[in-house]
Amino acid sequence: MDNPVPATGPNQPEAFQTTHWSVVLSAGHESEGVARAALEKLCQAYWFPLYAYVRRQGHSPEDSQDLTQAFFERFLERGYFARADQERGRFRTFLLTSLQHFLQEEWRRSQRQKRGGGTTFATLSPGEAEQRYAAEPRHELSPDVWYDRRWAEAVLERVMARLANDYASTGRTAVYTRLQQFLWGRQAEVSYAAMGAELGLAEGAVKVAVHRLRQRFRDLLREEVANTVQSADQIEAELRHLMAAFAA
């Protein structure tokens, strides 16, 4: 596979201004409603790594559901995002640190009552959460390492979904389905010529199509990661961290 981490383009700083986490961190200069909407979008995208972290701490499925739900309610309270560490600026890190503090508080309180407060976090489905967690491998990893792996997987899942939608929107789902294997360095399993025969394309056309697929993947991966950091100069480090977590 070609290098999945592209270099910063000349226009990246301008494009970066619209990312989700940067909007939250600049809430003092932006509409609070805009910042909250951005924060909610990020939370809905990345709830599962938090649920998996709570489960790896030894909580039951029911308690993990309640704790994760309660955490998001508190996290989304008015002005909570103002506590973000502007020096580090990574949503992944801030979210986990916030969850750890929340779990410590809950442990100290030893609350036994039903959590929830009448508000439901839309995407956190008990059935979906535990079904996904049940499919996790059982090897022993620390909750923190587990969290980073699940976060990296969530990023890639979102990127692949966007990539599939791109191709579907132009009626090229079949092409994407066949070519996506070339994203993961598996081209030795089938030649460009053989793939061209399957798709009714010349070998050279397949090479061009794979190049464009990989480039679009890189662009979308960069956009997704940019949504979770404060500034453009943090993107490269975050990409390397996630790729290492995913490959470990």
C-alpha atoms as a PDB file:
ATOM      1  CA  MET A   1       0.000   0.000   0.000  1.00  0.00           C
ATOM      2  CA  ASP A   2       1.195   3.487  -0.739  1.00  0.00           C
ATOM      3  CA  ASN A   3       1.963   5.721   2.217  1.00  0.00           C
ATOM      4  CA  PRO A   4      -1.472   6.359   3.808  1.00  0.00           C
ATOM      5  CA  VAL A   5      -0.397   9.600   5.502  1.00  0.00           C
ATOM      6  CA  PRO A   6      -0.223  12.418   2.958  1.00  0.00           C
ATOM      7  CA  ALA A   7       1.783  15.549   3.492  1.00  0.00           C
ATOM      8  CA  THR A   8       0.041  18.739   4.434  1.00  0.00           C
ATOM      9  CA  GLY A   9      -1.128  20.605   1.342  1.00  0.00           C
ATOM     10  CA  PRO A  10      -0.536  24.312   0.826  1.00  0.00           C
ATOM     11  CA  ASN A  11      -4.197  25.118   1.449  1.00  0.00           C
ATOM     12  CA  GLN A  12      -4.592  22.928   4.514  1.00  0.00           C
ATOM     13  CA  PRO A  13      -4.541  25.724   7.169  1.00  0.00           C
ATOM     14  CA  GLU A  14      -7.464  27.475   5.500  1.00  0.00           C
ATOM     15  CA  ALA A  15      -9.488  24.265   5.139  1.00  0.00           C
ATOM     16  CA  PHE A  16      -8.731  23.307   8.723  1.00  0.00           C
ATOM     17  CA  GLN A  17     -10.765  26.167  10.149  1.00  0.00           C
ATOM     18  CA  THR A  18     -14.028  24.263   9.600  1.00  0.00           C
ATOM     19  CA  THR A  19     -13.128  21.106  11.551  1.00  0.00           C
ATOM     20  CA  HIS A  20     -15.287  19.927  14.428  1.00  0.00           C
ATOM     21  CA  TRP A  21     -12.897  19.936  17.399  1.00  0.00           C
ATOM     22  CA  SER A  22     -11.270  23.218  16.425  1.00  0.00           C
ATOM     23  CA  VAL A  23     -14.746  24.769  16.447  1.00  0.00           C
ATOM     24  CA  VAL A  24     -15.345  23.425  19.953  1.00  0.00           C
ATOM     25  CA  LEU A  25     -12.011  24.721  21.241  1.00  0.00           C
ATOM     26  CA  SER A  26     -12.646  28.145  19.764  1.00  0.00           C
ATOM     27  CA  ALA A  27     -16.105  28.309  21.356  1.00  0.00           C
ATOM     28  CA  GLY A  28     -15.202  31.647  22.892  1.00  0.00           C
ATOM     29  CA  HIS A  29     -15.072  33.068  19.387  1.00  0.00           C
ATOM     30  CA  GLU A  30     -17.821  30.950  17.802  1.00  0.00           C
ATOM     31  CA  SER A  31     -21.505  30.522  18.451  1.00  0.00           C
ATOM     32  CA  GLU A  32     -21.968  28.203  21.424  1.00  0.00           C
ATOM     33  CA  GLY A  33     -24.711  26.435  19.487  1.00  0.00           C
ATOM     34  CA  VAL A  34     -22.306  25.713  16.654  1.00  0.00           C
ATOM     35  CA  ALA A  35     -19.700  24.400  19.085  1.00  0.00           C
ATOM     36  CA  ARG A  36     -22.209  22.127  20.835  1.00  0.00           C
ATOM     37  CA  ALA A  37     -23.448  20.757  17.520  1.00  0.00           C
ATOM     38  CA  ALA A  38     -19.864  20.000  16.525  1.00  0.00           C
ATOM     39  CA  LEU A  39     -19.217  18.302  19.863  1.00  0.00           C
ATOM     40  CA  GLU A  40     -22.381  16.194  19.607  1.00  0.00           C
ATOM     41  CA  LYS A  41     -21.364  15.075  16.132  1.00  0.00           C
ATOM     42  CA  LEU A  42     -17.966  13.970  17.387  1.00  0.00           C
ATOM     43  CA  CYS A  43     -19.470  12.134  20.356  1.00  0.00           C
ATOM     44  CA  GLN A  44     -21.937  10.276  18.178  1.00  0.00           C
ATOM     45  CA  ALA A  45     -19.108   9.250  15.850  1.00  0.00           C
ATOM     46  CA  TYR A  46     -16.806   7.967  18.582  1.00  0.00           C
ATOM     47  CA  TRP A  47     -18.951   6.547  21.368  1.00  0.00           C
ATOM     48  CA  PHE A  48     -17.963   2.906  20.944  1.00  0.00           C
ATOM     49  CA  PRO A  49     -14.285   3.233  22.026  1.00  0.00           C
ATOM     50  CA  LEU A  50     -15.585   4.735  25.287  1.00  0.00           C
ATOM     51  CA  TYR A  51     -18.104   1.941  25.827  1.00  0.00           C
ATOM     52  CA  ALA A  52     -15.378  -0.635  25.129  1.00  0.00           C
ATOM     53  CA  TYR A  53     -13.088   1.131  27.612  1.00  0.00           C
ATOM     54  CA  VAL A  54     -15.735   0.979  30.350  1.00  0.00           C
ATOM     55  CA  ARG A  55     -16.380  -2.709  29.651  1.00  0.00           C
ATOM     56  CA  ARG A  56     -12.640  -3.434  29.824  1.00  0.00           C
ATOM     57  CA  GLN A  57     -12.669  -1.875  33.278  1.00  0.00           C
ATOM     58  CA  GLY A  58     -14.820  -4.830  34.370  1.00  0.00           C
ATOM     59  CA  HIS A  59     -18.288  -3.264  34.373  1.00  0.00           C
ATOM     60  CA  SER A  60     -21.299  -5.293  33.289  1.00  0.00           C
ATOM     61  CA  PRO A  61     -23.032  -4.527  29.981  1.00  0.00           C
ATOM     62  CA  GLU A  62     -25.900  -2.813  31.828  1.00  0.00           C
ATOM     63  CA  ASP A  63     -23.616  -0.696  34.018  1.00  0.00           C
ATOM     64  CA  SER A  64     -21.391   0.141  31.050  1.00  0.00           C
ATOM     65  CA  GLN A  65     -24.431   1.299  29.118  1.00  0.00           C
ATOM     66  CA  ASP A  66     -25.570   3.488  32.010  1.00  0.00           C
ATOM     67  CA  LEU A  67     -22.114   4.870  32.721  1.00  0.00           C
ATOM     68  CA  THR A  68     -21.389   5.729  29.094  1.00  0.00           C
ATOM     69  CA  GLN A  69     -24.797   7.329  28.703  1.00  0.00           C
ATOM     70  CA  ALA A  70     -24.371   9.336  31.894  1.00  0.00           C
ATOM     71  CA  PHE A  71     -20.882  10.419  30.877  1.00  0.00           C
ATOM     72  CA  PHE A  72     -22.092  11.809  27.557  1.00  0.00           C
ATOM     73  CA  GLU A  73     -24.885  13.700  29.270  1.00  0.00           C
ATOM     74  CA  ARG A  74     -22.408  15.322  31.640  1.00  0.00           C
ATOM     75  CA  PHE A  75     -19.837  15.861  28.900  1.00  0.00           C
ATOM     76  CA  LEU A  76     -22.365  17.708  26.763  1.00  0.00           C
ATOM     77  CA  GLU A  77     -23.502  19.950  29.583  1.00  0.00           C
ATOM     78  CA  ARG A  78     -23.310  23.657  28.916  1.00  0.00           C
ATOM     79  CA  GLY A  79     -19.739  24.880  28.848  1.00  0.00           C
ATOM     80  CA  TYR A  80     -18.104  21.551  29.725  1.00  0.00           C
ATOM     81  CA  PHE A  81     -15.903  21.684  26.630  1.00  0.00           C
ATOM     82  CA  ALA A  82     -14.304  24.854  27.997  1.00  0.00           C
ATOM     83  CA  ARG A  83     -12.160  22.576  30.193  1.00  0.00           C
ATOM     84  CA  ALA A  84     -10.354  21.154  27.155  1.00  0.00           C
ATOM     85  CA  ASP A  85      -6.579  21.255  27.241  1.00  0.00           C
ATOM     86  CA  GLN A  86      -5.842  23.735  24.487  1.00  0.00           C
ATOM     87  CA  GLU A  87      -2.136  22.877  24.582  1.00  0.00           C
ATOM     88  CA  ARG A  88      -2.653  19.248  23.572  1.00  0.00           C
ATOM     89  CA  GLY A  89      -5.840  19.733  21.600  1.00  0.00           C
ATOM     90  CA  ARG A  90      -6.646  16.122  20.693  1.00  0.00           C
ATOM     91  CA  PHE A  91     -10.267  15.105  21.086  1.00  0.00           C
ATOM     92  CA  ARG A  92      -9.276  11.445  21.525  1.00  0.00           C
ATOM     93  CA  THR A  93      -7.097  12.288  24.540  1.00  0.00           C
ATOM     94  CA  PHE A  94      -9.455  14.801  26.092  1.00  0.00           C
ATOM     95  CA  LEU A  95     -12.424  12.459  25.803  1.00  0.00           C
ATOM     96  CA  LEU A  96     -10.631   9.552  27.487  1.00  0.00           C
ATOM     97  CA  THR A  97      -9.248  11.756  30.262  1.00  0.00           C
ATOM     98  CA  SER A  98     -12.732  13.152  30.880  1.00  0.00           C
ATOM     99  CA  LEU A  99     -14.181   9.635  31.010  1.00  0.00           C
ATOM    100  CA  GLN A 100     -11.524   8.498  33.483  1.00  0.00           C
ATOM    101  CA  HIS A 101     -12.317  11.420  35.783  1.00  0.00           C
ATOM    102  CA  PHE A 102     -16.013  10.688  35.475  1.00  0.00           C
ATOM    103  CA  LEU A 103     -15.531   7.004  36.377  1.00  0.00           C
ATOM    104  CA  GLN A 104     -13.443   7.971  39.393  1.00  0.00           C
ATOM    105  CA  GLU A 105     -16.197  10.277  40.584  1.00  0.00           C
ATOM    106  CA  GLU A 106     -18.813   7.585  40.065  1.00  0.00           C
ATOM    107  CA  TRP A 107     -16.742   5.079  41.979  1.00  0.00           C
ATOM    108  CA  ARG A 108     -16.339   7.481  44.900  1.00  0.00           C
ATOM    109  CA  ARG A 109     -20.032   8.192  44.965  1.00  0.00           C
ATOM    110  CA  SER A 110     -20.887   4.493  44.618  1.00  0.00           C
ATOM    111  CA  GLN A 111     -24.179   5.455  43.057  1.00  0.00           C
ATOM    112  CA  ARG A 112     -26.565   2.575  42.739  1.00  0.00           C
ATOM    113  CA  GLN A 113     -29.545   4.473  41.329  1.00  0.00           C
ATOM    114  CA  LYS A 114     -30.529   4.336  37.694  1.00  0.00           C
ATOM    115  CA  ARG A 115     -28.606   6.846  35.655  1.00  0.00           C
ATOM    116  CA  GLY A 116     -29.959   8.748  32.694  1.00  0.00           C
ATOM    117  CA  GLY A 117     -31.819  11.847  33.783  1.00  0.00           C
ATOM    118  CA  GLY A 118     -34.456  11.399  31.085  1.00  0.00           C
ATOM    119  CA  THR A 119     -32.130  12.181  28.175  1.00  0.00           C
ATOM    120  CA  THR A 120     -31.045   9.573  25.641  1.00  0.00           C
ATOM    121  CA  PHE A 121     -27.872   9.759  23.652  1.00  0.00           C
ATOM    122  CA  ALA A 122     -29.294   8.853  20.255  1.00  0.00           C
ATOM    123  CA  THR A 123     -26.601   6.572  18.878  1.00  0.00           C
ATOM    124  CA  LEU A 124     -25.857   4.552  22.020  1.00  0.00           C
ATOM    125  CA  SER A 125     -27.963   1.447  21.451  1.00  0.00           C
ATOM    126  CA  PRO A 126     -27.563  -1.199  24.209  1.00  0.00           C
ATOM    127  CA  GLY A 127     -27.961  -4.053  21.739  1.00  0.00           C
ATOM    128  CA  GLU A 128     -25.513  -2.598  19.233  1.00  0.00           C
ATOM    129  CA  ALA A 129     -22.953  -1.707  21.897  1.00  0.00           C
ATOM    130  CA  GLU A 130     -22.804  -5.157  23.440  1.00  0.00           C
ATOM    131  CA  GLN A 131     -23.017  -6.957  20.107  1.00  0.00           C
ATOM    132  CA  ARG A 132     -19.968  -5.061  18.908  1.00  0.00           C
ATOM    133  CA  TYR A 133     -18.140  -5.619  22.183  1.00  0.00           C
ATOM    134  CA  ALA A 134     -18.924  -9.356  22.152  1.00  0.00           C
ATOM    135  CA  ALA A 135     -17.153  -9.593  18.790  1.00  0.00           C
ATOM    136  CA  GLU A 136     -13.939  -8.175  20.280  1.00  0.00           C
ATOM    137  CA  PRO A 137     -10.935 -10.547  20.595  1.00  0.00           C
ATOM    138  CA  ARG A 138     -10.350 -11.763  24.117  1.00  0.00           C
ATOM    139  CA  HIS A 139      -6.588 -11.197  24.409  1.00  0.00           C
ATOM    140  CA  GLU A 140      -5.395  -9.197  27.397  1.00  0.00           C
ATOM    141  CA  LEU A 141      -4.671  -5.546  26.689  1.00  0.00           C
ATOM    142  CA  SER A 142      -4.896  -2.572  29.009  1.00  0.00           C
ATOM    143  CA  PRO A 143      -8.093  -0.505  28.700  1.00  0.00           C
ATOM    144  CA  ASP A 144      -6.017   2.432  27.419  1.00  0.00           C
ATOM    145  CA  VAL A 145      -4.440   0.390  24.603  1.00  0.00           C
ATOM    146  CA  TRP A 146      -7.845  -1.106  23.848  1.00  0.00           C
ATOM    147  CA  TYR A 147      -9.335   2.361  23.633  1.00  0.00           C
ATOM    148  CA  ASP A 148      -6.716   3.545  21.137  1.00  0.00           C
ATOM    149  CA  ARG A 149      -7.276   0.489  18.940  1.00  0.00           C
ATOM    150  CA  ARG A 150     -11.028   0.917  18.933  1.00  0.00           C
ATOM    151  CA  TRP A 151     -10.585   4.630  18.191  1.00  0.00           C
ATOM    152  CA  ALA A 152      -8.336   3.872  15.218  1.00  0.00           C
ATOM    153  CA  GLU A 153     -10.873   1.344  13.937  1.00  0.00           C
ATOM    154  CA  ALA A 154     -13.690   3.869  14.324  1.00  0.00           C
ATOM    155  CA  VAL A 155     -11.727   6.397  12.250  1.00  0.00           C
ATOM    156  CA  LEU A 156     -11.082   3.867   9.492  1.00  0.00           C
ATOM    157  CA  GLU A 157     -14.700   2.655   9.515  1.00  0.00           C
ATOM    158  CA  ARG A 158     -15.908   6.197   8.976  1.00  0.00           C
ATOM    159  CA  VAL A 159     -13.390   6.781   6.195  1.00  0.00           C
ATOM    160  CA  MET A 160     -14.327   3.551   4.421  1.00  0.00           C
ATOM    161  CA  ALA A 161     -18.028   4.390   4.688  1.00  0.00           C
ATOM    162  CA  ARG A 162     -17.421   7.798   3.107  1.00  0.00           C
ATOM    163  CA  LEU A 163     -15.283   6.210   0.401  1.00  0.00           C
ATOM    164  CA  ALA A 164     -18.011   3.679  -0.410  1.00  0.00           C
ATOM    165  CA  ASN A 165     -20.588   6.478  -0.573  1.00  0.00           C
ATOM    166  CA  ASP A 166     -18.367   8.403  -2.991  1.00  0.00           C
ATOM    167  CA  TYR A 167     -18.313   5.501  -5.411  1.00  0.00           C
ATOM    168  CA  ALA A 168     -21.991   4.662  -4.910  1.00  0.00           C
ATOM    169  CA  SER A 169     -22.973   8.242  -5.735  1.00  0.00           C
ATOM    170  CA  THR A 170     -21.470   7.832  -9.216  1.00  0.00           C
ATOM    171  CA  GLY A 171     -22.750   4.313  -9.798  1.00  0.00           C
ATOM    172  CA  ARG A 172     -19.358   2.661  -9.276  1.00  0.00           C
ATOM    173  CA  THR A 173     -20.102   0.410  -6.300  1.00  0.00           C
ATOM    174  CA  ALA A 174     -18.969  -2.721  -8.153  1.00  0.00           C
ATOM    175  CA  VAL A 175     -15.653  -1.072  -9.043  1.00  0.00           C
ATOM    176  CA  TYR A 176     -15.095   0.001  -5.436  1.00  0.00           C
ATOM    177  CA  THR A 177     -15.961  -3.450  -4.094  1.00  0.00           C
ATOM    178  CA  ARG A 178     -13.316  -5.063  -6.266  1.00  0.00           C
ATOM    179  CA  LEU A 179     -10.629  -2.408  -5.987  1.00  0.00           C
ATOM    180  CA  GLN A 180     -10.760  -1.784  -2.238  1.00  0.00           C
ATOM    181  CA  GLN A 181      -8.498  -4.803  -1.640  1.00  0.00           C
ATOM    182  CA  PHE A 182      -5.674  -2.765  -3.177  1.00  0.00           C
ATOM    183  CA  LEU A 183      -5.873  -0.350  -0.243  1.00  0.00           C
ATOM    184  CA  TRP A 184      -4.382  -2.940   2.094  1.00  0.00           C
ATOM    185  CA  GLY A 185      -1.337  -4.013   0.098  1.00  0.00           C
ATOM    186  CA  ARG A 186      -2.946  -7.191  -1.230  1.00  0.00           C
ATOM    187  CA  GLN A 187      -2.281  -6.519  -4.911  1.00  0.00           C
ATOM    188  CA  ALA A 188      -0.015  -9.597  -5.067  1.00  0.00           C
ATOM    189  CA  GLU A 189      -3.166 -11.734  -4.807  1.00  0.00           C
ATOM    190  CA  VAL A 190      -4.488 -10.522  -8.145  1.00  0.00           C
ATOM    191  CA  SER A 191      -2.785  -8.723 -11.026  1.00  0.00           C
ATOM    192  CA  TYR A 192      -3.949  -5.449 -12.513  1.00  0.00           C
ATOM    193  CA  ALA A 193      -4.494  -7.309 -15.772  1.00  0.00           C
ATOM    194  CA  ALA A 194      -6.714  -9.928 -14.108  1.00  0.00           C
ATOM    195  CA  MET A 195      -8.680  -7.236 -12.310  1.00  0.00           C
ATOM    196  CA  GLY A 196      -9.085  -5.369 -15.592  1.00  0.00           C
ATOM    197  CA  ALA A 197     -10.504  -8.510 -17.199  1.00  0.00           C
ATOM    198  CA  GLU A 198     -13.074  -8.765 -14.385  1.00  0.00           C
ATOM    199  CA  LEU A 199     -14.097  -5.133 -14.661  1.00  0.00           C
ATOM    200  CA  GLY A 200     -13.849  -4.776 -18.426  1.00  0.00           C
ATOM    201  CA  LEU A 201     -10.993  -2.270 -18.131  1.00  0.00           C
ATOM    202  CA  ALA A 202      -7.519  -2.079 -19.608  1.00  0.00           C
ATOM    203  CA  GLU A 203      -4.629  -2.822 -17.237  1.00  0.00           C
ATOM    204  CA  GLY A 204      -3.512   0.807 -17.391  1.00  0.00           C
ATOM    205  CA  ALA A 205      -7.012   1.998 -16.508  1.00  0.00           C
ATOM    206  CA  VAL A 206      -7.000  -0.256 -13.441  1.00  0.00           C
ATOM    207  CA  LYS A 207      -3.688   1.221 -12.293  1.00  0.00           C
ATOM    208  CA  VAL A 208      -5.114   4.728 -12.638  1.00  0.00           C
ATOM    209  CA  ALA A 209      -8.290   3.728 -10.795  1.00  0.00           C
ATOM    210  CA  VAL A 210      -6.297   2.219  -7.906  1.00  0.00           C
ATOM    211  CA  HIS A 211      -4.124   5.326  -7.686  1.00  0.00           C
ATOM    212  CA  ARG A 212      -7.231   7.525  -7.468  1.00  0.00           C
ATOM    213  CA  LEU A 213      -8.804   5.226  -4.886  1.00  0.00           C
ATOM    214  CA  ARG A 214      -5.739   5.412  -2.682  1.00  0.00           C
ATOM    215  CA  GLN A 215      -5.511   9.183  -3.062  1.00  0.00           C
ATOM    216  CA  ARG A 216      -9.151   9.633  -2.115  1.00  0.00           C
ATOM    217  CA  PHE A 217      -8.654   7.324   0.867  1.00  0.00           C
ATOM    218  CA  ARG A 218      -5.719   9.450   2.042  1.00  0.00           C
ATOM    219  CA  ASP A 219      -7.690  12.659   1.634  1.00  0.00           C
ATOM    220  CA  LEU A 220     -10.683  11.317   3.569  1.00  0.00           C
ATOM    221  CA  LEU A 221      -8.477   9.860   6.302  1.00  0.00           C
ATOM    222  CA  ARG A 222      -6.781  13.206   6.721  1.00  0.00           C
ATOM    223  CA  GLU A 223     -10.123  15.024   6.835  1.00  0.00           C
ATOM    224  CA  GLU A 224     -11.471  12.640   9.480  1.00  0.00           C
ATOM    225  CA  VAL A 225      -8.410  12.994  11.695  1.00  0.00           C
ATOM    226  CA  ALA A 226      -8.409  16.764  11.221  1.00  0.00           C
ATOM    227  CA  ASN A 227     -11.886  16.796  12.771  1.00  0.00           C
ATOM    228  CA  THR A 228     -10.423  15.537  16.063  1.00  0.00           C
ATOM    229  CA  VAL A 229      -7.393  17.788  16.595  1.00  0.00           C
ATOM    230  CA  GLN A 230      -7.034  21.458  17.364  1.00  0.00           C
ATOM    231  CA  SER A 231      -4.617  22.544  14.648  1.00  0.00           C
ATOM    232  CA  ALA A 232      -3.254  21.378  11.317  1.00  0.00           C
ATOM    233  CA  ASP A 233       0.237  20.804  12.720  1.00  0.00           C
ATOM    234  CA  GLN A 234      -1.140  18.010  14.941  1.00  0.00           C
ATOM    235  CA  ILE A 235      -2.573  15.949  12.080  1.00  0.00           C
ATOM    236  CA  GLU A 236       0.623  14.094  11.146  1.00  0.00           C
ATOM    237  CA  ALA A 237       1.339  12.964  14.710  1.00  0.00           C
ATOM    238  CA  GLU A 238      -2.247  11.844  15.228  1.00  0.00           C
ATOM    239  CA  LEU A 239      -2.219   9.882  11.964  1.00  0.00           C
ATOM    240  CA  ARG A 240       0.984   8.113  12.972  1.00  0.00           C
ATOM    241  CA  HIS A 241      -0.439   7.311  16.398  1.00  0.00           C
ATOM    242  CA  LEU A 242      -3.634   5.842  14.967  1.00  0.00           C
ATOM    243  CA  MET A 243      -1.843   3.819  12.307  1.00  0.00           C
ATOM    244  CA  ALA A 244       0.481   2.388  14.970  1.00  0.00           C
ATOM    245  CA  ALA A 245      -2.482   1.531  17.207  1.00  0.00           C
ATOM    246  CA  PHE A 246      -4.311  -0.117  14.349  1.00  0.00           C
ATOM    247  CA  ALA A 247      -1.299  -2.148  13.229  1.00  0.00           C
ATOM    248  CA  ALA A 248      -0.109  -3.204  16.708  1.00  0.00           C
END
